[in-house]
PDB file of all heavy atoms in Angstrom:
ATOM      1  N   GLY A   1    -142.250-112.452 209.765  1.00  0.00           N
ATOM      2  CA  GLY A   1    -141.651-113.529 208.990  1.00  0.00           C
ATOM      3  C   GLY A   1    -141.460-113.151 207.536  1.00  0.00           C
ATOM      4  O   GLY A   1    -142.363-112.594 206.906  1.00  0.00           O
ATOM      5  N   GLN A   2    -140.290-113.458 206.995  1.00  0.00           N
ATOM      6  CA  GLN A   2    -140.006-113.120 205.608  1.00  0.00           C
ATOM      7  C   GLN A   2    -140.852-113.908 204.625  1.00  0.00           C
ATOM      8  O   GLN A   2    -140.958-113.519 203.463  1.00  0.00           O
ATOM      9  CB  GLN A   2    -138.521-113.340 205.303  1.00  0.00           C
ATOM     10  CG  GLN A   2    -137.611-112.282 205.892  1.00  0.00           C
ATOM     11  CD  GLN A   2    -136.185-112.415 205.399  1.00  0.00           C
ATOM     12  OE1 GLN A   2    -135.662-113.519 205.242  1.00  0.00           O
ATOM     13  NE2 GLN A   2    -135.544-111.285 205.146  1.00  0.00           N
ATOM     14  N   GLU A   3    -141.429-114.998 205.097  1.00  0.00           N
ATOM     15  CA  GLU A   3    -142.349-115.738 204.228  1.00  0.00           C
ATOM     16  C   GLU A   3    -143.658-114.978 204.039  1.00  0.00           C
ATOM     17  O   GLU A   3    -144.451-115.302 203.147  1.00  0.00           O
ATOM     18  CB  GLU A   3    -142.626-117.129 204.804  1.00  0.00           C
ATOM     19  CG  GLU A   3    -143.488-117.170 206.060  1.00  0.00           C
ATOM     20  CD  GLU A   3    -142.716-116.887 207.357  1.00  0.00           C
ATOM     21  OE1 GLU A   3    -141.536-116.476 207.264  1.00  0.00           O
ATOM     22  OE2 GLU A   3    -143.290-117.102 208.438  1.00  0.00           O
ATOM     23  N   ASN A   4    -143.857-113.958 204.850  1.00  0.00           N
ATOM     24  CA  ASN A   4    -145.084-113.160 204.785  1.00  0.00           C
ATOM     25  C   ASN A   4    -144.859-111.744 204.254  1.00  0.00           C
ATOM     26  O   ASN A   4    -145.632-111.250 203.438  1.00  0.00           O
ATOM     27  CB  ASN A   4    -145.729-113.085 206.173  1.00  0.00           C
ATOM     28  CG  ASN A   4    -146.275-114.416 206.632  1.00  0.00           C
ATOM     29  OD1 ASN A   4    -146.957-115.104 205.869  1.00  0.00           O
ATOM     30  ND2 ASN A   4    -145.974-114.798 207.867  1.00  0.00           N
ATOM     31  N   VAL A   5    -143.807-111.078 204.764  1.00  0.00           N
ATOM     32  CA  VAL A   5    -143.529-109.700 204.361  1.00  0.00           C
ATOM     33  C   VAL A   5    -142.030-109.524 204.164  1.00  0.00           C
ATOM     34  O   VAL A   5    -141.236-109.945 205.008  1.00  0.00           O
ATOM     35  CB  VAL A   5    -144.008-108.685 205.418  1.00  0.00           C
ATOM     36  CG1 VAL A   5    -143.631-107.260 205.001  1.00  0.00           C
ATOM     37  CG2 VAL A   5    -145.505-108.786 205.636  1.00  0.00           C
ATOM     38  N   VAL A   6    -141.668-108.908 203.050  1.00  0.00           N
ATOM     39  CA  VAL A   6    -140.275-108.558 202.788  1.00  0.00           C
ATOM     40  C   VAL A   6    -140.199-107.057 202.551  1.00  0.00           C
ATOM     41  O   VAL A   6    -140.913-106.519 201.704  1.00  0.00           O
ATOM     42  CB  VAL A   6    -139.718-109.306 201.562  1.00  0.00           C
ATOM     43  CG1 VAL A   6    -138.295-108.820 201.248  1.00  0.00           C
ATOM     44  CG2 VAL A   6    -139.722-110.812 201.795  1.00  0.00           C
ATOM     45  N   ILE A   7    -139.371-106.378 203.328  1.00  0.00           N
ATOM     46  CA  ILE A   7    -139.124-104.947 203.129  1.00  0.00           C
ATOM     47  C   ILE A   7    -137.924-104.821 202.195  1.00  0.00           C
ATOM     48  O   ILE A   7    -136.801-105.164 202.569  1.00  0.00           O
ATOM     49  CB  ILE A   7    -138.848-104.228 204.460  1.00  0.00           C
ATOM     50  CG1 ILE A   7    -140.001-104.457 205.468  1.00  0.00           C
ATOM     51  CG2 ILE A   7    -138.604-102.735 204.219  1.00  0.00           C
ATOM     52  CD1 ILE A   7    -141.320-103.877 205.042  1.00  0.00           C
ATOM     53  N   ASP A   8    -138.172-104.351 200.989  1.00  0.00           N
ATOM     54  CA  ASP A   8    -137.097-104.159 200.020  1.00  0.00           C
ATOM     55  C   ASP A   8    -136.566-102.731 200.141  1.00  0.00           C
ATOM     56  O   ASP A   8    -137.222-101.772 199.718  1.00  0.00           O
ATOM     57  CB  ASP A   8    -137.607-104.413 198.601  1.00  0.00           C
ATOM     58  CG  ASP A   8    -137.934-105.880 198.356  1.00  0.00           C
ATOM     59  OD1 ASP A   8    -137.171-106.735 198.835  1.00  0.00           O
ATOM     60  OD2 ASP A   8    -138.954-106.171 197.704  1.00  0.00           O
ATOM     61  N   VAL A   9    -135.391-102.598 200.736  1.00  0.00           N
ATOM     62  CA  VAL A   9    -134.779-101.290 200.929  1.00  0.00           C
ATOM     63  C   VAL A   9    -134.020-100.915 199.658  1.00  0.00           C
ATOM     64  O   VAL A   9    -133.108-101.627 199.234  1.00  0.00           O
ATOM     65  CB  VAL A   9    -133.822-101.290 202.137  1.00  0.00           C
ATOM     66  CG1 VAL A   9    -133.159 -99.926 202.293  1.00  0.00           C
ATOM     67  CG2 VAL A   9    -134.578-101.675 203.405  1.00  0.00           C
ATOM     68  N   HIS A  10    -134.407 -99.807 199.039  1.00  0.00           N
ATOM     69  CA  HIS A  10    -133.770 -99.355 197.808  1.00  0.00           C
ATOM     70  C   HIS A  10    -132.887 -98.146 198.104  1.00  0.00           C
ATOM     71  O   HIS A  10    -133.383 -97.045 198.349  1.00  0.00           O
ATOM     72  CB  HIS A  10    -134.831 -98.983 196.765  1.00  0.00           C
ATOM     73  CG  HIS A  10    -135.620-100.153 196.278  1.00  0.00           C
ATOM     74  ND1 HIS A  10    -135.218-100.944 195.232  1.00  0.00           N
ATOM     75  CD2 HIS A  10    -136.793-100.694 196.726  1.00  0.00           C
ATOM     76  CE1 HIS A  10    -136.098-101.907 195.036  1.00  0.00           C
ATOM     77  NE2 HIS A  10    -137.060-101.780 195.937  1.00  0.00           N
ATOM     78  N   GLN A  11    -131.575 -98.370 198.115  1.00  0.00           N
ATOM     79  CA  GLN A  11    -130.641 -97.274 198.325  1.00  0.00           C
ATOM     80  C   GLN A  11    -130.416 -96.560 196.995  1.00  0.00           C
ATOM     81  O   GLN A  11    -130.012 -97.172 196.011  1.00  0.00           O
ATOM     82  CB  GLN A  11    -129.325 -97.788 198.892  1.00  0.00           C
ATOM     83  CG  GLN A  11    -129.468 -98.403 200.279  1.00  0.00           C
ATOM     84  CD  GLN A  11    -128.134 -98.656 200.940  1.00  0.00           C
ATOM     85  OE1 GLN A  11    -127.189 -97.872 200.787  1.00  0.00           O
ATOM     86  NE2 GLN A  11    -128.038 -99.743 201.688  1.00  0.00           N
ATOM     87  N   MET A  12    -130.689 -95.252 196.966  1.00  0.00           N
ATOM     88  CA  MET A  12    -130.645 -94.476 195.733  1.00  0.00           C
ATOM     89  C   MET A  12    -129.684 -93.295 195.881  1.00  0.00           C
ATOM     90  O   MET A  12    -129.335 -92.891 196.988  1.00  0.00           O
ATOM     91  CB  MET A  12    -132.039 -93.914 195.413  1.00  0.00           C
ATOM     92  CG  MET A  12    -133.150 -94.920 195.349  1.00  0.00           C
ATOM     93  SD  MET A  12    -134.721 -94.037 195.040  1.00  0.00           S
ATOM     94  CE  MET A  12    -135.885 -95.405 195.176  1.00  0.00           C
ATOM     95  N   SER A  13    -129.333 -92.719 194.743  1.00  0.00           N
ATOM     96  CA  SER A  13    -128.613 -91.452 194.768  1.00  0.00           C
ATOM     97  C   SER A  13    -129.547 -90.386 195.330  1.00  0.00           C
ATOM     98  O   SER A  13    -130.775 -90.549 195.328  1.00  0.00           O
ATOM     99  CB  SER A  13    -128.175 -91.055 193.359  1.00  0.00           C
ATOM    100  OG  SER A  13    -129.307 -90.719 192.562  1.00  0.00           O
ATOM    101  N   SER A  14    -128.972 -89.299 195.794  1.00  0.00           N
ATOM    102  CA  SER A  14    -129.787 -88.218 196.363  1.00  0.00           C
ATOM    103  C   SER A  14    -130.811 -87.710 195.351  1.00  0.00           C
ATOM    104  O   SER A  14    -131.980 -87.478 195.694  1.00  0.00           O
ATOM    105  CB  SER A  14    -128.892 -87.061 196.825  1.00  0.00           C
ATOM    106  OG  SER A  14    -128.045 -87.463 197.869  1.00  0.00           O
ATOM    107  N   ASP A  15    -130.398 -87.537 194.111  1.00  0.00           N
ATOM    108  CA  ASP A  15    -131.305 -87.012 193.094  1.00  0.00           C
ATOM    109  C   ASP A  15    -132.439 -87.987 192.808  1.00  0.00           C
ATOM    110  O   ASP A  15    -133.605 -87.581 192.694  1.00  0.00           O
ATOM    111  CB  ASP A  15    -130.546 -86.702 191.800  1.00  0.00           C
ATOM    112  CG  ASP A  15    -129.681 -85.453 191.923  1.00  0.00           C
ATOM    113  OD1 ASP A  15    -129.920 -84.657 192.857  1.00  0.00           O
ATOM    114  OD2 ASP A  15    -128.768 -85.285 191.092  1.00  0.00           O
ATOM    115  N   ASP A  16    -132.115 -89.263 192.666  1.00  0.00           N
ATOM    116  CA  ASP A  16    -133.167 -90.259 192.408  1.00  0.00           C
ATOM    117  C   ASP A  16    -134.137 -90.340 193.578  1.00  0.00           C
ATOM    118  O   ASP A  16    -135.354 -90.449 193.388  1.00  0.00           O
ATOM    119  CB  ASP A  16    -132.545 -91.637 192.150  1.00  0.00           C
ATOM    120  CG  ASP A  16    -131.971 -91.772 190.751  1.00  0.00           C
ATOM    121  OD1 ASP A  16    -132.295 -90.918 189.890  1.00  0.00           O
ATOM    122  OD2 ASP A  16    -131.210 -92.727 190.511  1.00  0.00           O
ATOM    123  N   PHE A  17    -133.581 -90.291 194.778  1.00  0.00           N
ATOM    124  CA  PHE A  17    -134.444 -90.336 195.953  1.00  0.00           C
ATOM    125  C   PHE A  17    -135.368 -89.126 195.998  1.00  0.00           C
ATOM    126  O   PHE A  17    -136.584 -89.260 196.193  1.00  0.00           O
ATOM    127  CB  PHE A  17    -133.597 -90.391 197.228  1.00  0.00           C
ATOM    128  CG  PHE A  17    -134.420 -90.278 198.476  1.00  0.00           C
ATOM    129  CD1 PHE A  17    -135.141 -91.363 198.941  1.00  0.00           C
ATOM    130  CD2 PHE A  17    -134.516 -89.075 199.157  1.00  0.00           C
ATOM    131  CE1 PHE A  17    -135.930 -91.247 200.085  1.00  0.00           C
ATOM    132  CE2 PHE A  17    -135.299 -88.954 200.291  1.00  0.00           C
ATOM    133  CZ  PHE A  17    -136.010 -90.043 200.755  1.00  0.00           C
ATOM    134  N   ASP A  18    -134.810 -87.936 195.810  1.00  0.00           N
ATOM    135  CA  ASP A  18    -135.620 -86.717 195.834  1.00  0.00           C
ATOM    136  C   ASP A  18    -136.727 -86.768 194.786  1.00  0.00           C
ATOM    137  O   ASP A  18    -137.880 -86.422 195.067  1.00  0.00           O
ATOM    138  CB  ASP A  18    -134.739 -85.491 195.585  1.00  0.00           C
ATOM    139  CG  ASP A  18    -133.888 -85.125 196.788  1.00  0.00           C
ATOM    140  OD1 ASP A  18    -134.152 -85.651 197.887  1.00  0.00           O
ATOM    141  OD2 ASP A  18    -132.952 -84.315 196.623  1.00  0.00           O
ATOM    142  N   ASN A  19    -136.383 -87.179 193.587  1.00  0.00           N
ATOM    143  CA  ASN A  19    -137.350 -87.178 192.494  1.00  0.00           C
ATOM    144  C   ASN A  19    -138.426 -88.247 192.670  1.00  0.00           C
ATOM    145  O   ASN A  19    -139.519 -88.123 192.109  1.00  0.00           O
ATOM    146  CB  ASN A  19    -136.636 -87.378 191.155  1.00  0.00           C
ATOM    147  CG  ASN A  19    -135.770 -86.195 190.785  1.00  0.00           C
ATOM    148  OD1 ASN A  19    -136.040 -85.066 191.196  1.00  0.00           O
ATOM    149  ND2 ASN A  19    -134.700 -86.437 190.032  1.00  0.00           N
ATOM    150  N   SER A  20    -138.134 -89.266 193.450  1.00  0.00           N
ATOM    151  CA  SER A  20    -139.113 -90.324 193.695  1.00  0.00           C
ATOM    152  C   SER A  20    -140.015 -90.022 194.880  1.00  0.00           C
ATOM    153  O   SER A  20    -141.072 -90.631 195.027  1.00  0.00           O
ATOM    154  CB  SER A  20    -138.390 -91.655 193.960  1.00  0.00           C
ATOM    155  OG  SER A  20    -137.606 -92.036 192.866  1.00  0.00           O
ATOM    156  N   THR A  21    -139.595 -89.078 195.708  1.00  0.00           N
ATOM    157  CA  THR A  21    -140.317 -88.835 196.960  1.00  0.00           C
ATOM    158  C   THR A  21    -140.661 -87.356 197.126  1.00  0.00           C
ATOM    159  O   THR A  21    -141.690 -86.892 196.670  1.00  0.00           O
ATOM    160  CB  THR A  21    -139.474 -89.328 198.158  1.00  0.00           C
ATOM    161  OG1 THR A  21    -138.195 -88.673 198.164  1.00  0.00           O
ATOM    162  CG2 THR A  21    -139.247 -90.834 198.081  1.00  0.00           C
ATOM    163  N   TYR A  22    -139.791 -86.611 197.738  1.00  0.00           N
ATOM    164  CA  TYR A  22    -140.077 -85.237 198.163  1.00  0.00           C
ATOM    165  C   TYR A  22    -140.421 -84.310 197.015  1.00  0.00           C
ATOM    166  O   TYR A  22    -141.359 -83.519 197.086  1.00  0.00           O
ATOM    167  CB  TYR A  22    -138.856 -84.709 198.919  1.00  0.00           C
ATOM    168  CG  TYR A  22    -139.051 -83.384 199.611  1.00  0.00           C
ATOM    169  CD1 TYR A  22    -140.015 -83.225 200.601  1.00  0.00           C
ATOM    170  CD2 TYR A  22    -138.239 -82.301 199.313  1.00  0.00           C
ATOM    171  CE1 TYR A  22    -140.170 -82.018 201.258  1.00  0.00           C
ATOM    172  CE2 TYR A  22    -138.379 -81.088 199.963  1.00  0.00           C
ATOM    173  CZ  TYR A  22    -139.353 -80.955 200.941  1.00  0.00           C
ATOM    174  OH  TYR A  22    -139.504 -79.757 201.585  1.00  0.00           O
ATOM    175  N   PHE A  23    -139.653 -84.376 195.932  1.00  0.00           N
ATOM    176  CA  PHE A  23    -139.876 -83.460 194.822  1.00  0.00           C
ATOM    177  C   PHE A  23    -140.751 -84.045 193.717  1.00  0.00           C
ATOM    178  O   PHE A  23    -140.943 -83.390 192.691  1.00  0.00           O
ATOM    179  CB  PHE A  23    -138.542 -82.980 194.243  1.00  0.00           C
ATOM    180  CG  PHE A  23    -137.811 -82.009 195.135  1.00  0.00           C
ATOM    181  CD1 PHE A  23    -136.515 -82.254 195.545  1.00  0.00           C
ATOM    182  CD2 PHE A  23    -138.437 -80.853 195.583  1.00  0.00           C
ATOM    183  CE1 PHE A  23    -135.844 -81.367 196.370  1.00  0.00           C
ATOM    184  CE2 PHE A  23    -137.778 -79.959 196.417  1.00  0.00           C
ATOM    185  CZ  PHE A  23    -136.478 -80.216 196.811  1.00  0.00           C
ATOM    186  N   ALA A  24    -141.254 -85.242 193.895  1.00  0.00           N
ATOM    187  CA  ALA A  24    -142.238 -85.784 192.953  1.00  0.00           C
ATOM    188  C   ALA A  24    -143.491 -84.915 193.044  1.00  0.00           C
ATOM    189  O   ALA A  24    -144.073 -84.765 194.115  1.00  0.00           O
ATOM    190  CB  ALA A  24    -142.559 -87.235 193.293  1.00  0.00           C
ATOM    191  N   GLU A  25    -143.905 -84.329 191.921  1.00  0.00           N
ATOM    192  CA  GLU A  25    -144.936 -83.294 191.948  1.00  0.00           C
ATOM    193  C   GLU A  25    -146.357 -83.832 191.984  1.00  0.00           C
ATOM    194  O   GLU A  25    -147.285 -83.104 192.324  1.00  0.00           O
ATOM    195  CB  GLU A  25    -144.759 -82.364 190.750  1.00  0.00           C
ATOM    196  CG  GLU A  25    -143.452 -81.579 190.796  1.00  0.00           C
ATOM    197  CD  GLU A  25    -143.296 -80.634 189.629  1.00  0.00           C
ATOM    198  OE1 GLU A  25    -144.145 -80.684 188.715  1.00  0.00           O
ATOM    199  OE2 GLU A  25    -142.337 -79.838 189.627  1.00  0.00           O
ATOM    200  N   THR A  26    -146.561 -85.085 191.614  1.00  0.00           N
ATOM    201  CA  THR A  26    -147.908 -85.653 191.597  1.00  0.00           C
ATOM    202  C   THR A  26    -147.919 -86.985 192.320  1.00  0.00           C
ATOM    203  O   THR A  26    -146.878 -87.627 192.518  1.00  0.00           O
ATOM    204  CB  THR A  26    -148.396 -85.871 190.150  1.00  0.00           C
ATOM    205  OG1 THR A  26    -147.590 -86.890 189.523  1.00  0.00           O
ATOM    206  CG2 THR A  26    -148.314 -84.584 189.340  1.00  0.00           C
ATOM    207  N   ALA A  27    -149.118 -87.409 192.685  1.00  0.00           N
ATOM    208  CA  ALA A  27    -149.272 -88.704 193.340  1.00  0.00           C
ATOM    209  C   ALA A  27    -148.765 -89.830 192.450  1.00  0.00           C
ATOM    210  O   ALA A  27    -148.156 -90.798 192.921  1.00  0.00           O
ATOM    211  CB  ALA A  27    -150.742 -88.926 193.698  1.00  0.00           C
ATOM    212  N   ALA A  28    -148.999 -89.709 191.154  1.00  0.00           N
ATOM    213  CA  ALA A  28    -148.596 -90.750 190.213  1.00  0.00           C
ATOM    214  C   ALA A  28    -147.084 -90.895 190.115  1.00  0.00           C
ATOM    215  O   ALA A  28    -146.579 -91.938 189.687  1.00  0.00           O
ATOM    216  CB  ALA A  28    -149.181 -90.460 188.834  1.00  0.00           C
ATOM    217  N   GLN A  29    -146.343 -89.855 190.509  1.00  0.00           N
ATOM    218  CA  GLN A  29    -144.880 -89.893 190.438  1.00  0.00           C
ATOM    219  C   GLN A  29    -144.247 -90.415 191.717  1.00  0.00           C
ATOM    220  O   GLN A  29    -143.022 -90.610 191.767  1.00  0.00           O
ATOM    221  CB  GLN A  29    -144.344 -88.494 190.127  1.00  0.00           C
ATOM    222  CG  GLN A  29    -144.733 -87.984 188.754  1.00  0.00           C
ATOM    223  CD  GLN A  29    -144.376 -86.518 188.551  1.00  0.00           C
ATOM    224  OE1 GLN A  29    -144.046 -85.805 189.497  1.00  0.00           O
ATOM    225  NE2 GLN A  29    -144.454 -86.045 187.318  1.00  0.00           N
ATOM    226  N   LYS A  30    -145.023 -90.631 192.767  1.00  0.00           N
ATOM    227  CA  LYS A  30    -144.482 -91.130 194.028  1.00  0.00           C
ATOM    228  C   LYS A  30    -144.121 -92.602 193.854  1.00  0.00           C
ATOM    229  O   LYS A  30    -144.994 -93.459 193.707  1.00  0.00           O
ATOM    230  CB  LYS A  30    -145.494 -90.962 195.160  1.00  0.00           C
ATOM    231  CG  LYS A  30    -145.919 -89.519 195.417  1.00  0.00           C
ATOM    232  CD  LYS A  30    -144.808 -88.677 196.019  1.00  0.00           C
ATOM    233  CE  LYS A  30    -145.285 -87.272 196.355  1.00  0.00           C
ATOM    234  NZ  LYS A  30    -144.238 -86.433 196.944  1.00  0.00           N
ATOM    235  N   ASP A  31    -142.822 -92.882 193.873  1.00  0.00           N
ATOM    236  CA  ASP A  31    -142.325 -94.202 193.485  1.00  0.00           C
ATOM    237  C   ASP A  31    -141.877 -95.009 194.702  1.00  0.00           C
ATOM    238  O   ASP A  31    -140.682 -95.188 194.950  1.00  0.00           O
ATOM    239  CB  ASP A  31    -141.176 -94.022 192.490  1.00  0.00           C
ATOM    240  CG  ASP A  31    -140.826 -95.313 191.764  1.00  0.00           C
ATOM    241  OD1 ASP A  31    -141.479 -96.335 192.018  1.00  0.00           O
ATOM    242  OD2 ASP A  31    -139.895 -95.280 190.937  1.00  0.00           O
ATOM    243  N   TYR A  32    -142.827 -95.465 195.478  1.00  0.00           N
ATOM    244  CA  TYR A  32    -142.536 -96.267 196.666  1.00  0.00           C
ATOM    245  C   TYR A  32    -143.825 -96.898 197.173  1.00  0.00           C
ATOM    246  O   TYR A  32    -144.925 -96.506 196.788  1.00  0.00           O
ATOM    247  CB  TYR A  32    -141.917 -95.403 197.769  1.00  0.00           C
ATOM    248  CG  TYR A  32    -142.742 -94.167 198.125  1.00  0.00           C
ATOM    249  CD1 TYR A  32    -143.861 -94.244 198.953  1.00  0.00           C
ATOM    250  CD2 TYR A  32    -142.391 -92.917 197.622  1.00  0.00           C
ATOM    251  CE1 TYR A  32    -144.610 -93.117 199.271  1.00  0.00           C
ATOM    252  CE2 TYR A  32    -143.128 -91.784 197.934  1.00  0.00           C
ATOM    253  CZ  TYR A  32    -144.241 -91.897 198.759  1.00  0.00           C
ATOM    254  OH  TYR A  32    -144.981 -90.779 199.064  1.00  0.00           O
ATOM    255  N   ASP A  33    -143.662 -97.878 198.059  1.00  0.00           N
ATOM    256  CA  ASP A  33    -144.809 -98.443 198.778  1.00  0.00           C
ATOM    257  C   ASP A  33    -144.942 -97.806 200.153  1.00  0.00           C
ATOM    258  O   ASP A  33    -146.048 -97.666 200.679  1.00  0.00           O
ATOM    259  CB  ASP A  33    -144.649 -99.957 198.940  1.00  0.00           C
ATOM    260  CG  ASP A  33    -144.754-100.704 197.625  1.00  0.00           C
ATOM    261  OD1 ASP A  33    -145.675-100.403 196.846  1.00  0.00           O
ATOM    262  OD2 ASP A  33    -143.894-101.570 197.372  1.00  0.00           O
ATOM    263  N   LEU A  34    -143.806 -97.439 200.715  1.00  0.00           N
ATOM    264  CA  LEU A  34    -143.781 -96.887 202.066  1.00  0.00           C
ATOM    265  C   LEU A  34    -142.605 -95.923 202.138  1.00  0.00           C
ATOM    266  O   LEU A  34    -141.494 -96.264 201.712  1.00  0.00           O
ATOM    267  CB  LEU A  34    -143.601 -98.029 203.078  1.00  0.00           C
ATOM    268  CG  LEU A  34    -143.948 -97.805 204.544  1.00  0.00           C
ATOM    269  CD1 LEU A  34    -145.426 -97.474 204.710  1.00  0.00           C
ATOM    270  CD2 LEU A  34    -143.615 -99.060 205.356  1.00  0.00           C
ATOM    271  N   ASN A  35    -142.858 -94.719 202.656  1.00  0.00           N
ATOM    272  CA  ASN A  35    -141.788 -93.716 202.691  1.00  0.00           C
ATOM    273  C   ASN A  35    -141.961 -92.815 203.908  1.00  0.00           C
ATOM    274  O   ASN A  35    -143.074 -92.553 204.351  1.00  0.00           O
ATOM    275  CB  ASN A  35    -141.815 -92.860 201.417  1.00  0.00           C
ATOM    276  CG  ASN A  35    -140.730 -91.809 201.415  1.00  0.00           C
ATOM    277  OD1 ASN A  35    -139.555 -92.118 201.591  1.00  0.00           O
ATOM    278  ND2 ASN A  35    -141.110 -90.557 201.231  1.00  0.00           N
ATOM    279  N   MET A  36    -140.837 -92.328 204.429  1.00  0.00           N
ATOM    280  CA  MET A  36    -140.871 -91.433 205.576  1.00  0.00           C
ATOM    281  C   MET A  36    -141.159 -90.007 205.125  1.00  0.00           C
ATOM    282  O   MET A  36    -140.520 -89.490 204.215  1.00  0.00           O
ATOM    283  CB  MET A  36    -139.532 -91.476 206.317  1.00  0.00           C
ATOM    284  CG  MET A  36    -139.504 -90.661 207.591  1.00  0.00           C
ATOM    285  SD  MET A  36    -140.524 -91.361 208.907  1.00  0.00           S
ATOM    286  CE  MET A  36    -139.469 -92.693 209.467  1.00  0.00           C
ATOM    287  N   SER A  37    -142.151 -89.386 205.752  1.00  0.00           N
ATOM    288  CA  SER A  37    -142.490 -87.995 205.504  1.00  0.00           C
ATOM    289  C   SER A  37    -142.507 -87.259 206.839  1.00  0.00           C
ATOM    290  O   SER A  37    -142.436 -87.879 207.905  1.00  0.00           O
ATOM    291  CB  SER A  37    -143.872 -87.873 204.843  1.00  0.00           C
ATOM    292  OG  SER A  37    -143.877 -88.464 203.563  1.00  0.00           O
ATOM    293  N   GLY A  38    -142.633 -85.939 206.764  1.00  0.00           N
ATOM    294  CA  GLY A  38    -142.682 -85.162 207.995  1.00  0.00           C
ATOM    295  C   GLY A  38    -143.611 -83.981 207.860  1.00  0.00           C
ATOM    296  O   GLY A  38    -143.898 -83.513 206.759  1.00  0.00           O
ATOM    297  N   TRP A  39    -144.100 -83.497 208.992  1.00  0.00           N
ATOM    298  CA  TRP A  39    -145.007 -82.353 208.993  1.00  0.00           C
ATOM    299  C   TRP A  39    -144.844 -81.568 210.280  1.00  0.00           C
ATOM    300  O   TRP A  39    -144.689 -82.142 211.354  1.00  0.00           O
ATOM    301  CB  TRP A  39    -146.453 -82.824 208.873  1.00  0.00           C
ATOM    302  CG  TRP A  39    -147.376 -81.710 208.476  1.00  0.00           C
ATOM    303  CD1 TRP A  39    -148.224 -81.016 209.280  1.00  0.00           C
ATOM    304  CD2 TRP A  39    -147.525 -81.158 207.174  1.00  0.00           C
ATOM    305  NE1 TRP A  39    -148.889 -80.068 208.555  1.00  0.00           N
ATOM    306  CE2 TRP A  39    -148.482 -80.129 207.255  1.00  0.00           C
ATOM    307  CE3 TRP A  39    -146.936 -81.424 205.938  1.00  0.00           C
ATOM    308  CZ2 TRP A  39    -148.858 -79.366 206.152  1.00  0.00           C
ATOM    309  CZ3 TRP A  39    -147.320 -80.671 204.840  1.00  0.00           C
ATOM    310  CH2 TRP A  39    -148.276 -79.662 204.951  1.00  0.00           C
ATOM    311  N   SER A  40    -144.843 -80.247 210.158  1.00  0.00           N
ATOM    312  CA  SER A  40    -144.837 -79.391 211.347  1.00  0.00           C
ATOM    313  C   SER A  40    -145.981 -78.398 211.245  1.00  0.00           C
ATOM    314  O   SER A  40    -146.530 -78.177 210.160  1.00  0.00           O
ATOM    315  CB  SER A  40    -143.495 -78.671 211.500  1.00  0.00           C
ATOM    316  OG  SER A  40    -143.169 -77.940 210.337  1.00  0.00           O
ATOM    317  N   ALA A  41    -146.324 -77.797 212.354  1.00  0.00           N
ATOM    318  CA  ALA A  41    -147.559 -77.026 212.455  1.00  0.00           C
ATOM    319  C   ALA A  41    -147.460 -75.668 211.785  1.00  0.00           C
ATOM    320  O   ALA A  41    -146.469 -74.966 211.920  1.00  0.00           O
ATOM    321  CB  ALA A  41    -147.938 -76.850 213.927  1.00  0.00           C
ATOM    322  N   ASP A  42    -148.535 -75.304 211.075  1.00  0.00           N
ATOM    323  CA  ASP A  42    -148.649 -73.970 210.491  1.00  0.00           C
ATOM    324  C   ASP A  42    -149.333 -73.005 211.453  1.00  0.00           C
ATOM    325  O   ASP A  42    -149.030 -71.808 211.451  1.00  0.00           O
ATOM    326  CB  ASP A  42    -149.481 -74.008 209.205  1.00  0.00           C
ATOM    327  CG  ASP A  42    -148.771 -74.747 208.086  1.00  0.00           C
ATOM    328  OD1 ASP A  42    -147.538 -74.840 208.143  1.00  0.00           O
ATOM    329  OD2 ASP A  42    -149.439 -75.233 207.178  1.00  0.00           O
ATOM    330  N   TYR A  43    -150.284 -73.507 212.232  1.00  0.00           N
ATOM    331  CA  TYR A  43    -151.026 -72.657 213.152  1.00  0.00           C
ATOM    332  C   TYR A  43    -151.535 -73.495 214.314  1.00  0.00           C
ATOM    333  O   TYR A  43    -151.461 -74.733 214.299  1.00  0.00           O
ATOM    334  CB  TYR A  43    -152.184 -71.937 212.441  1.00  0.00           C
ATOM    335  CG  TYR A  43    -153.060 -72.841 211.598  1.00  0.00           C
ATOM    336  CD1 TYR A  43    -154.193 -73.448 212.119  1.00  0.00           C
ATOM    337  CD2 TYR A  43    -152.749 -73.076 210.259  1.00  0.00           C
ATOM    338  CE1 TYR A  43    -154.988 -74.272 211.351  1.00  0.00           C
ATOM    339  CE2 TYR A  43    -153.546 -73.901 209.477  1.00  0.00           C
ATOM    340  CZ  TYR A  43    -154.665 -74.494 210.023  1.00  0.00           C
ATOM    341  OH  TYR A  43    -155.445 -75.325 209.251  1.00  0.00           O
ATOM    342  N   GLN A  44    -152.033 -72.819 215.344  1.00  0.00           N
ATOM    343  CA  GLN A  44    -152.298 -73.474 216.617  1.00  0.00           C
ATOM    344  C   GLN A  44    -153.682 -74.112 216.655  1.00  0.00           C
ATOM    345  O   GLN A  44    -154.599 -73.650 217.345  1.00  0.00           O
ATOM    346  CB  GLN A  44    -152.153 -72.472 217.778  1.00  0.00           C
ATOM    347  CG  GLN A  44    -151.983 -73.129 219.133  1.00  0.00           C
ATOM    348  CD  GLN A  44    -150.656 -73.834 219.286  1.00  0.00           C
ATOM    349  OE1 GLN A  44    -149.626 -73.301 218.940  1.00  0.00           O
ATOM    350  NE2 GLN A  44    -150.687 -75.049 219.808  1.00  0.00           N
TER     351      GLN A  44
END
């Protein structure tokens, strides 16, 4: 219910998105509440 939770989707330019997420170098620079990330295996 929107009276309980609202997902605010922020459509950004590629550069703004990158700088807010993937290329943000520190935790303090991560500019979101929820973001998609990915991980693949380095070793077995």
